[in-house]
């Protein structure tokens, strides 16, 4: 949500191209993520997990209301130069903005996978997530890893927000349902697995669209979450998760 509004501000106030606004929004939202980590989550690190949940819920309400104060509560859209262009696929067509968004997401996922699997900081992130205390004993500055991870996650959310705003109308309250779906997709694919998140997202989307076409759009979320429940009952660790995690 914050990424969408920051992108909207760059586009409307400064005349920046919407796809350049994706990069700018990533940078600013990353800085916000660093501030959030240092001022809130760092204070409850190592305490009861419920504290982190309560902090998250409080931040949702704070950011929602800040957005209302700054931008109002009416829906907005990010207008792309390719707004009215579509690619004809015979009996169907797809908006050019959809294709660009898909390509951007693919590039981001490849870069993220490379970062996590092939770089020192990526290995440090994986080590910290698995064995924090052991990582610290091995010389990893886990506090810096936490900050970097928060900034990275916030930057990705900023990119997602701008891409969402190009395709759909948005308002200060758009974050709730995508967040719930994101958790569902992560659980479906398996915690810690980027390929699992990709496959889980595709399966979730297919389940939604199949439900909307066959039994009505009102059932799309119910059917998609039903698929999640079935997977968790049959394979609690998710499709690509490791048993015991």
C-alpha atoms as a PDB file:
ATOM      1  CA  UNK A   1       0.000   0.000   0.000  1.00  0.00           C
ATOM      2  CA  UNK A   2       2.776   2.442   0.919  1.00  0.00           C
ATOM      3  CA  UNK A   3       4.666   1.548  -2.245  1.00  0.00           C
ATOM      4  CA  UNK A   4       1.591   2.242  -4.373  1.00  0.00           C
ATOM      5  CA  UNK A   5       1.098   5.696  -2.851  1.00  0.00           C
ATOM      6  CA  UNK A   6       4.777   6.627  -3.067  1.00  0.00           C
ATOM      7  CA  UNK A   7       4.740   5.591  -6.725  1.00  0.00           C
ATOM      8  CA  UNK A   8       1.546   7.605  -7.236  1.00  0.00           C
ATOM      9  CA  UNK A   9       3.233  10.683  -5.738  1.00  0.00           C
ATOM     10  CA  UNK A  10       6.280  10.354  -8.001  1.00  0.00           C
ATOM     11  CA  UNK A  11       4.071   9.961 -11.073  1.00  0.00           C
ATOM     12  CA  UNK A  12       1.565  12.738 -10.344  1.00  0.00           C
ATOM     13  CA  UNK A  13       3.800  15.317  -8.629  1.00  0.00           C
ATOM     14  CA  UNK A  14       7.061  14.833 -10.555  1.00  0.00           C
ATOM     15  CA  UNK A  15       5.862  13.291 -13.827  1.00  0.00           C
ATOM     16  CA  UNK A  16       8.035  10.206 -13.411  1.00  0.00           C
ATOM     17  CA  UNK A  17       7.302   7.202 -15.651  1.00  0.00           C
ATOM     18  CA  UNK A  18       5.347   4.582 -13.683  1.00  0.00           C
ATOM     19  CA  UNK A  19       7.960   1.898 -14.277  1.00  0.00           C
ATOM     20  CA  UNK A  20      10.773   4.182 -13.115  1.00  0.00           C
ATOM     21  CA  UNK A  21       8.571   4.827 -10.075  1.00  0.00           C
ATOM     22  CA  UNK A  22       8.881   1.112  -9.260  1.00  0.00           C
ATOM     23  CA  UNK A  23      12.609   1.553  -8.569  1.00  0.00           C
ATOM     24  CA  UNK A  24      12.154   4.821  -6.686  1.00  0.00           C
ATOM     25  CA  UNK A  25       9.402   3.334  -4.544  1.00  0.00           C
ATOM     26  CA  UNK A  26      11.569   0.316  -3.743  1.00  0.00           C
ATOM     27  CA  UNK A  27      14.293   2.610  -2.414  1.00  0.00           C
ATOM     28  CA  UNK A  28      12.026   4.730  -0.232  1.00  0.00           C
ATOM     29  CA  UNK A  29      10.013   1.813   1.129  1.00  0.00           C
ATOM     30  CA  UNK A  30      13.294   0.056   1.959  1.00  0.00           C
ATOM     31  CA  UNK A  31      14.281   3.076   4.078  1.00  0.00           C
ATOM     32  CA  UNK A  32      10.890   2.953   5.795  1.00  0.00           C
ATOM     33  CA  UNK A  33      11.468  -0.748   6.439  1.00  0.00           C
ATOM     34  CA  UNK A  34      14.809  -0.001   8.095  1.00  0.00           C
ATOM     35  CA  UNK A  35      13.147   2.576  10.333  1.00  0.00           C
ATOM     36  CA  UNK A  36      10.365   0.157  11.258  1.00  0.00           C
ATOM     37  CA  UNK A  37      12.882  -2.549  12.138  1.00  0.00           C
ATOM     38  CA  UNK A  38      15.055  -0.275  14.258  1.00  0.00           C
ATOM     39  CA  UNK A  39      12.238   1.513  16.088  1.00  0.00           C
ATOM     40  CA  UNK A  40       9.745  -1.308  16.633  1.00  0.00           C
ATOM     41  CA  UNK A  41      10.696  -4.906  15.884  1.00  0.00           C
ATOM     42  CA  UNK A  42      14.232  -4.515  17.238  1.00  0.00           C
ATOM     43  CA  UNK A  43      12.659  -3.622  20.615  1.00  0.00           C
ATOM     44  CA  UNK A  44      10.725  -6.900  20.851  1.00  0.00           C
ATOM     45  CA  UNK A  45      13.339  -9.158  19.253  1.00  0.00           C
ATOM     46  CA  UNK A  46      13.768 -12.352  21.240  1.00  0.00           C
ATOM     47  CA  UNK A  47      10.611 -11.852  23.282  1.00  0.00           C
ATOM     48  CA  UNK A  48       7.269 -13.599  22.891  1.00  0.00           C
ATOM     49  CA  UNK A  49       6.229 -13.982  19.222  1.00  0.00           C
ATOM     50  CA  UNK A  50       2.850 -12.491  20.129  1.00  0.00           C
ATOM     51  CA  UNK A  51       4.642  -9.176  20.660  1.00  0.00           C
ATOM     52  CA  UNK A  52       5.736  -9.147  17.014  1.00  0.00           C
ATOM     53  CA  UNK A  53       2.174  -9.898  15.917  1.00  0.00           C
ATOM     54  CA  UNK A  54       0.791  -7.052  18.019  1.00  0.00           C
ATOM     55  CA  UNK A  55       3.454  -4.672  16.685  1.00  0.00           C
ATOM     56  CA  UNK A  56       2.504  -5.674  13.131  1.00  0.00           C
ATOM     57  CA  UNK A  57      -1.201  -5.096  13.746  1.00  0.00           C
ATOM     58  CA  UNK A  58      -0.487  -1.716  15.311  1.00  0.00           C
ATOM     59  CA  UNK A  59       1.706  -0.669  12.373  1.00  0.00           C
ATOM     60  CA  UNK A  60      -1.034  -1.653   9.907  1.00  0.00           C
ATOM     61  CA  UNK A  61      -3.479   0.702  11.603  1.00  0.00           C
ATOM     62  CA  UNK A  62      -0.899   3.494  11.879  1.00  0.00           C
ATOM     63  CA  UNK A  63       0.151   3.319   8.221  1.00  0.00           C
ATOM     64  CA  UNK A  64      -3.450   3.019   7.011  1.00  0.00           C
ATOM     65  CA  UNK A  65      -4.418   6.193   8.832  1.00  0.00           C
ATOM     66  CA  UNK A  66      -1.284   8.070   7.758  1.00  0.00           C
ATOM     67  CA  UNK A  67      -2.157   7.206   4.149  1.00  0.00           C
ATOM     68  CA  UNK A  68      -5.691   8.517   4.641  1.00  0.00           C
ATOM     69  CA  UNK A  69      -4.341  11.786   6.059  1.00  0.00           C
ATOM     70  CA  UNK A  70      -1.814  12.245   3.253  1.00  0.00           C
ATOM     71  CA  UNK A  71      -3.702  10.987   0.215  1.00  0.00           C
ATOM     72  CA  UNK A  72      -7.352  10.612   1.251  1.00  0.00           C
ATOM     73  CA  UNK A  73      -9.422   7.443   1.226  1.00  0.00           C
ATOM     74  CA  UNK A  74     -10.712   7.523  -2.370  1.00  0.00           C
ATOM     75  CA  UNK A  75      -9.394   4.917  -4.791  1.00  0.00           C
ATOM     76  CA  UNK A  76      -6.586   5.953  -7.148  1.00  0.00           C
ATOM     77  CA  UNK A  77      -4.856   4.467 -10.191  1.00  0.00           C
ATOM     78  CA  UNK A  78      -1.391   4.682 -11.650  1.00  0.00           C
ATOM     79  CA  UNK A  79      -1.751   5.457 -15.351  1.00  0.00           C
ATOM     80  CA  UNK A  80       0.783   3.700 -17.556  1.00  0.00           C
ATOM     81  CA  UNK A  81       1.907   4.828 -21.036  1.00  0.00           C
ATOM     82  CA  UNK A  82       0.634   1.433 -22.203  1.00  0.00           C
ATOM     83  CA  UNK A  83      -2.753   1.846 -20.505  1.00  0.00           C
ATOM     84  CA  UNK A  84      -4.834   1.123 -23.616  1.00  0.00           C
ATOM     85  CA  UNK A  85      -2.536  -1.396 -25.286  1.00  0.00           C
ATOM     86  CA  UNK A  86      -3.287  -5.124 -25.342  1.00  0.00           C
ATOM     87  CA  UNK A  87      -1.648  -8.119 -26.954  1.00  0.00           C
ATOM     88  CA  UNK A  88      -4.014 -10.173 -29.101  1.00  0.00           C
ATOM     89  CA  UNK A  89      -3.714 -13.903 -28.403  1.00  0.00           C
ATOM     90  CA  UNK A  90      -6.430 -15.099 -30.750  1.00  0.00           C
ATOM     91  CA  UNK A  91      -9.577 -15.701 -28.739  1.00  0.00           C
ATOM     92  CA  UNK A  92      -8.122 -13.852 -25.772  1.00  0.00           C
ATOM     93  CA  UNK A  93      -6.036 -10.766 -25.143  1.00  0.00           C
ATOM     94  CA  UNK A  94      -3.795  -9.561 -22.338  1.00  0.00           C
ATOM     95  CA  UNK A  95      -2.894  -6.026 -21.330  1.00  0.00           C
ATOM     96  CA  UNK A  96       0.667  -4.988 -22.054  1.00  0.00           C
ATOM     97  CA  UNK A  97       0.959  -3.745 -18.465  1.00  0.00           C
ATOM     98  CA  UNK A  98       0.205  -7.279 -17.243  1.00  0.00           C
ATOM     99  CA  UNK A  99       3.038  -8.644 -19.393  1.00  0.00           C
ATOM    100  CA  UNK A 100       5.463  -5.983 -18.185  1.00  0.00           C
ATOM    101  CA  UNK A 101       4.507  -6.698 -14.572  1.00  0.00           C
ATOM    102  CA  UNK A 102       5.102 -10.428 -15.119  1.00  0.00           C
ATOM    103  CA  UNK A 103       8.533  -9.748 -16.647  1.00  0.00           C
ATOM    104  CA  UNK A 104       9.502  -7.425 -13.777  1.00  0.00           C
ATOM    105  CA  UNK A 105       8.455 -10.046 -11.227  1.00  0.00           C
ATOM    106  CA  UNK A 106      10.476 -12.734 -13.044  1.00  0.00           C
ATOM    107  CA  UNK A 107      13.584 -10.509 -13.044  1.00  0.00           C
ATOM    108  CA  UNK A 108      13.120  -9.696  -9.347  1.00  0.00           C
ATOM    109  CA  UNK A 109      12.679 -13.376  -8.442  1.00  0.00           C
ATOM    110  CA  UNK A 110      15.791 -14.418 -10.375  1.00  0.00           C
ATOM    111  CA  UNK A 111      17.811 -11.638  -8.715  1.00  0.00           C
ATOM    112  CA  UNK A 112      16.465 -12.609  -5.282  1.00  0.00           C
ATOM    113  CA  UNK A 113      17.264 -16.282  -5.838  1.00  0.00           C
ATOM    114  CA  UNK A 114      20.803 -15.382  -6.930  1.00  0.00           C
ATOM    115  CA  UNK A 115      21.243 -13.129  -3.882  1.00  0.00           C
ATOM    116  CA  UNK A 116      20.116 -15.794  -1.433  1.00  0.00           C
ATOM    117  CA  UNK A 117      21.900 -18.756  -3.017  1.00  0.00           C
ATOM    118  CA  UNK A 118      25.124 -17.306  -4.433  1.00  0.00           C
ATOM    119  CA  UNK A 119      26.226 -14.351  -2.303  1.00  0.00           C
ATOM    120  CA  UNK A 120      27.822 -14.143   1.131  1.00  0.00           C
ATOM    121  CA  UNK A 121      25.050 -11.982   2.534  1.00  0.00           C
ATOM    122  CA  UNK A 122      22.488 -14.422   1.155  1.00  0.00           C
ATOM    123  CA  UNK A 123      24.199 -17.322   2.911  1.00  0.00           C
ATOM    124  CA  UNK A 124      24.352 -15.235   6.078  1.00  0.00           C
ATOM    125  CA  UNK A 125      20.600 -14.571   5.769  1.00  0.00           C
ATOM    126  CA  UNK A 126      19.884 -18.290   5.453  1.00  0.00           C
ATOM    127  CA  UNK A 127      22.165 -19.142   8.353  1.00  0.00           C
ATOM    128  CA  UNK A 128      20.621 -16.476  10.575  1.00  0.00           C
ATOM    129  CA  UNK A 129      17.095 -17.635   9.798  1.00  0.00           C
ATOM    130  CA  UNK A 130      17.973 -21.235  10.647  1.00  0.00           C
ATOM    131  CA  UNK A 131      20.341 -20.867  13.625  1.00  0.00           C
ATOM    132  CA  UNK A 132      20.592 -17.299  14.860  1.00  0.00           C
ATOM    133  CA  UNK A 133      22.782 -17.899  17.907  1.00  0.00           C
ATOM    134  CA  UNK A 134      25.119 -20.253  16.062  1.00  0.00           C
ATOM    135  CA  UNK A 135      25.452 -17.727  13.232  1.00  0.00           C
ATOM    136  CA  UNK A 136      26.439 -15.050  15.723  1.00  0.00           C
ATOM    137  CA  UNK A 137      29.097 -17.340  17.196  1.00  0.00           C
ATOM    138  CA  UNK A 138      30.448 -17.915  13.682  1.00  0.00           C
ATOM    139  CA  UNK A 139      31.040 -14.177  13.248  1.00  0.00           C
ATOM    140  CA  UNK A 140      27.859 -13.105  11.466  1.00  0.00           C
ATOM    141  CA  UNK A 141      26.489  -9.753  12.577  1.00  0.00           C
ATOM    142  CA  UNK A 142      22.895 -10.887  12.892  1.00  0.00           C
ATOM    143  CA  UNK A 143      21.611  -7.398  13.702  1.00  0.00           C
ATOM    144  CA  UNK A 144      22.872  -6.139  10.344  1.00  0.00           C
ATOM    145  CA  UNK A 145      21.320  -9.166   8.668  1.00  0.00           C
ATOM    146  CA  UNK A 146      17.974  -8.369  10.285  1.00  0.00           C
ATOM    147  CA  UNK A 147      18.162  -4.770   9.018  1.00  0.00           C
ATOM    148  CA  UNK A 148      19.150  -5.851   5.507  1.00  0.00           C
ATOM    149  CA  UNK A 149      16.420  -8.486   5.381  1.00  0.00           C
ATOM    150  CA  UNK A 150      13.806  -5.972   6.541  1.00  0.00           C
ATOM    151  CA  UNK A 151      14.973  -3.456   3.936  1.00  0.00           C
ATOM    152  CA  UNK A 152      14.941  -6.092   1.200  1.00  0.00           C
ATOM    153  CA  UNK A 153      11.462  -7.313   2.118  1.00  0.00           C
ATOM    154  CA  UNK A 154      10.167  -3.740   2.269  1.00  0.00           C
ATOM    155  CA  UNK A 155      11.708  -2.932  -1.130  1.00  0.00           C
ATOM    156  CA  UNK A 156       9.993  -5.942  -2.704  1.00  0.00           C
ATOM    157  CA  UNK A 157       6.706  -4.864  -1.141  1.00  0.00           C
ATOM    158  CA  UNK A 158       7.253  -1.381  -2.599  1.00  0.00           C
ATOM    159  CA  UNK A 159       7.700  -2.840  -6.081  1.00  0.00           C
ATOM    160  CA  UNK A 160       4.600  -4.992  -5.639  1.00  0.00           C
ATOM    161  CA  UNK A 161       2.595  -1.945  -4.553  1.00  0.00           C
ATOM    162  CA  UNK A 162       3.424   0.093  -7.652  1.00  0.00           C
ATOM    163  CA  UNK A 163       2.735  -2.850  -9.979  1.00  0.00           C
ATOM    164  CA  UNK A 164      -0.569  -3.442  -8.184  1.00  0.00           C
ATOM    165  CA  UNK A 165      -1.459   0.239  -8.608  1.00  0.00           C
ATOM    166  CA  UNK A 166      -0.780   0.061 -12.351  1.00  0.00           C
ATOM    167  CA  UNK A 167      -3.161  -2.866 -12.788  1.00  0.00           C
ATOM    168  CA  UNK A 168      -5.835  -2.254 -10.124  1.00  0.00           C
ATOM    169  CA  UNK A 169      -7.339   0.734  -8.286  1.00  0.00           C
ATOM    170  CA  UNK A 170      -5.927   1.083  -4.789  1.00  0.00           C
ATOM    171  CA  UNK A 171      -6.805   2.761  -1.490  1.00  0.00           C
ATOM    172  CA  UNK A 172      -5.257   2.851   2.014  1.00  0.00           C
ATOM    173  CA  UNK A 173      -6.866  -0.477   2.924  1.00  0.00           C
ATOM    174  CA  UNK A 174      -5.651  -2.641   0.036  1.00  0.00           C
ATOM    175  CA  UNK A 175      -2.895  -4.297   2.069  1.00  0.00           C
ATOM    176  CA  UNK A 176      -5.038  -6.660   4.142  1.00  0.00           C
ATOM    177  CA  UNK A 177      -6.205  -9.274   1.617  1.00  0.00           C
ATOM    178  CA  UNK A 178      -2.921  -9.470  -0.363  1.00  0.00           C
ATOM    179  CA  UNK A 179      -1.076  -9.982   2.936  1.00  0.00           C
ATOM    180  CA  UNK A 180      -3.361 -12.853   3.907  1.00  0.00           C
ATOM    181  CA  UNK A 181      -2.964 -14.393   0.452  1.00  0.00           C
ATOM    182  CA  UNK A 182       0.807 -13.950   0.614  1.00  0.00           C
ATOM    183  CA  UNK A 183       0.968 -15.881   3.896  1.00  0.00           C
ATOM    184  CA  UNK A 184      -1.252 -18.575   2.380  1.00  0.00           C
ATOM    185  CA  UNK A 185       0.980 -18.853  -0.701  1.00  0.00           C
ATOM    186  CA  UNK A 186       4.157 -19.036   1.403  1.00  0.00           C
ATOM    187  CA  UNK A 187       2.647 -21.780   3.557  1.00  0.00           C
ATOM    188  CA  UNK A 188       1.359 -23.589   0.463  1.00  0.00           C
ATOM    189  CA  UNK A 189       4.763 -23.544  -1.250  1.00  0.00           C
ATOM    190  CA  UNK A 190       6.773 -24.211   1.905  1.00  0.00           C
ATOM    191  CA  UNK A 191       8.483 -21.777   4.268  1.00  0.00           C
ATOM    192  CA  UNK A 192      11.838 -20.532   2.997  1.00  0.00           C
ATOM    193  CA  UNK A 193      11.446 -21.838  -0.560  1.00  0.00           C
ATOM    194  CA  UNK A 194      11.426 -19.240  -3.356  1.00  0.00           C
ATOM    195  CA  UNK A 195      10.480 -21.847  -6.029  1.00  0.00           C
ATOM    196  CA  UNK A 196       7.774 -22.995  -3.625  1.00  0.00           C
ATOM    197  CA  UNK A 197       6.437 -19.432  -3.361  1.00  0.00           C
ATOM    198  CA  UNK A 198       6.333 -19.151  -7.173  1.00  0.00           C
ATOM    199  CA  UNK A 199       4.584 -22.505  -7.652  1.00  0.00           C
ATOM    200  CA  UNK A 200       2.295 -21.836  -4.686  1.00  0.00           C
ATOM    201  CA  UNK A 201       1.322 -18.464  -6.148  1.00  0.00           C
ATOM    202  CA  UNK A 202       0.551 -20.007  -9.543  1.00  0.00           C
ATOM    203  CA  UNK A 203      -1.536 -22.788  -7.985  1.00  0.00           C
ATOM    204  CA  UNK A 204      -3.366 -20.290  -5.808  1.00  0.00           C
ATOM    205  CA  UNK A 205      -4.114 -18.082  -8.817  1.00  0.00           C
ATOM    206  CA  UNK A 206      -5.314 -21.038 -10.897  1.00  0.00           C
ATOM    207  CA  UNK A 207      -7.613 -22.132  -8.064  1.00  0.00           C
ATOM    208  CA  UNK A 208      -9.047 -18.603  -7.792  1.00  0.00           C
ATOM    209  CA  UNK A 209      -9.696 -18.202 -11.503  1.00  0.00           C
ATOM    210  CA  UNK A 210     -11.108 -21.718 -11.913  1.00  0.00           C
ATOM    211  CA  UNK A 211     -13.549 -21.070  -9.082  1.00  0.00           C
ATOM    212  CA  UNK A 212     -14.538 -17.679 -10.532  1.00  0.00           C
ATOM    213  CA  UNK A 213     -15.226 -19.194 -13.966  1.00  0.00           C
ATOM    214  CA  UNK A 214     -17.003 -22.374 -12.869  1.00  0.00           C
ATOM    215  CA  UNK A 215     -18.997 -21.526  -9.743  1.00  0.00           C
ATOM    216  CA  UNK A 216     -18.888 -17.730  -9.527  1.00  0.00           C
ATOM    217  CA  UNK A 217     -16.446 -15.045  -8.423  1.00  0.00           C
ATOM    218  CA  UNK A 218     -17.927 -14.942  -4.909  1.00  0.00           C
ATOM    219  CA  UNK A 219     -16.310 -18.347  -4.265  1.00  0.00           C
ATOM    220  CA  UNK A 220     -12.821 -17.560  -5.578  1.00  0.00           C
ATOM    221  CA  UNK A 221     -11.216 -16.829  -2.195  1.00  0.00           C
ATOM    222  CA  UNK A 222     -13.054 -19.689  -0.470  1.00  0.00           C
ATOM    223  CA  UNK A 223     -11.898 -22.281  -3.023  1.00  0.00           C
ATOM    224  CA  UNK A 224      -8.315 -21.006  -3.006  1.00  0.00           C
ATOM    225  CA  UNK A 225      -8.128 -21.256   0.800  1.00  0.00           C
ATOM    226  CA  UNK A 226      -9.773 -24.689   0.616  1.00  0.00           C
ATOM    227  CA  UNK A 227      -6.876 -25.811  -1.580  1.00  0.00           C
ATOM    228  CA  UNK A 228      -4.492 -24.470   1.061  1.00  0.00           C
ATOM    229  CA  UNK A 229      -6.286 -26.418   3.809  1.00  0.00           C
ATOM    230  CA  UNK A 230      -6.160 -29.635   1.765  1.00  0.00           C
ATOM    231  CA  UNK A 231      -2.423 -29.245   1.147  1.00  0.00           C
ATOM    232  CA  UNK A 232      -1.738 -28.551   4.828  1.00  0.00           C
ATOM    233  CA  UNK A 233      -3.766 -31.579   5.902  1.00  0.00           C
ATOM    234  CA  UNK A 234      -1.947 -33.877   3.466  1.00  0.00           C
ATOM    235  CA  UNK A 235       1.493 -32.204   3.631  1.00  0.00           C
ATOM    236  CA  UNK A 236       1.793 -29.794   6.608  1.00  0.00           C
ATOM    237  CA  UNK A 237       5.256 -28.562   5.611  1.00  0.00           C
ATOM    238  CA  UNK A 238       3.940 -27.322   2.243  1.00  0.00           C
ATOM    239  CA  UNK A 239       4.720 -28.499  -1.261  1.00  0.00           C
ATOM    240  CA  UNK A 240       8.447 -27.663  -1.191  1.00  0.00           C
ATOM    241  CA  UNK A 241       9.076 -27.456   2.552  1.00  0.00           C
ATOM    242  CA  UNK A 242      11.328 -29.869   4.392  1.00  0.00           C
ATOM    243  CA  UNK A 243       9.735 -32.308   6.802  1.00  0.00           C
ATOM    244  CA  UNK A 244      10.215 -31.337  10.410  1.00  0.00           C
ATOM    245  CA  UNK A 245      10.407 -27.566   9.661  1.00  0.00           C
END
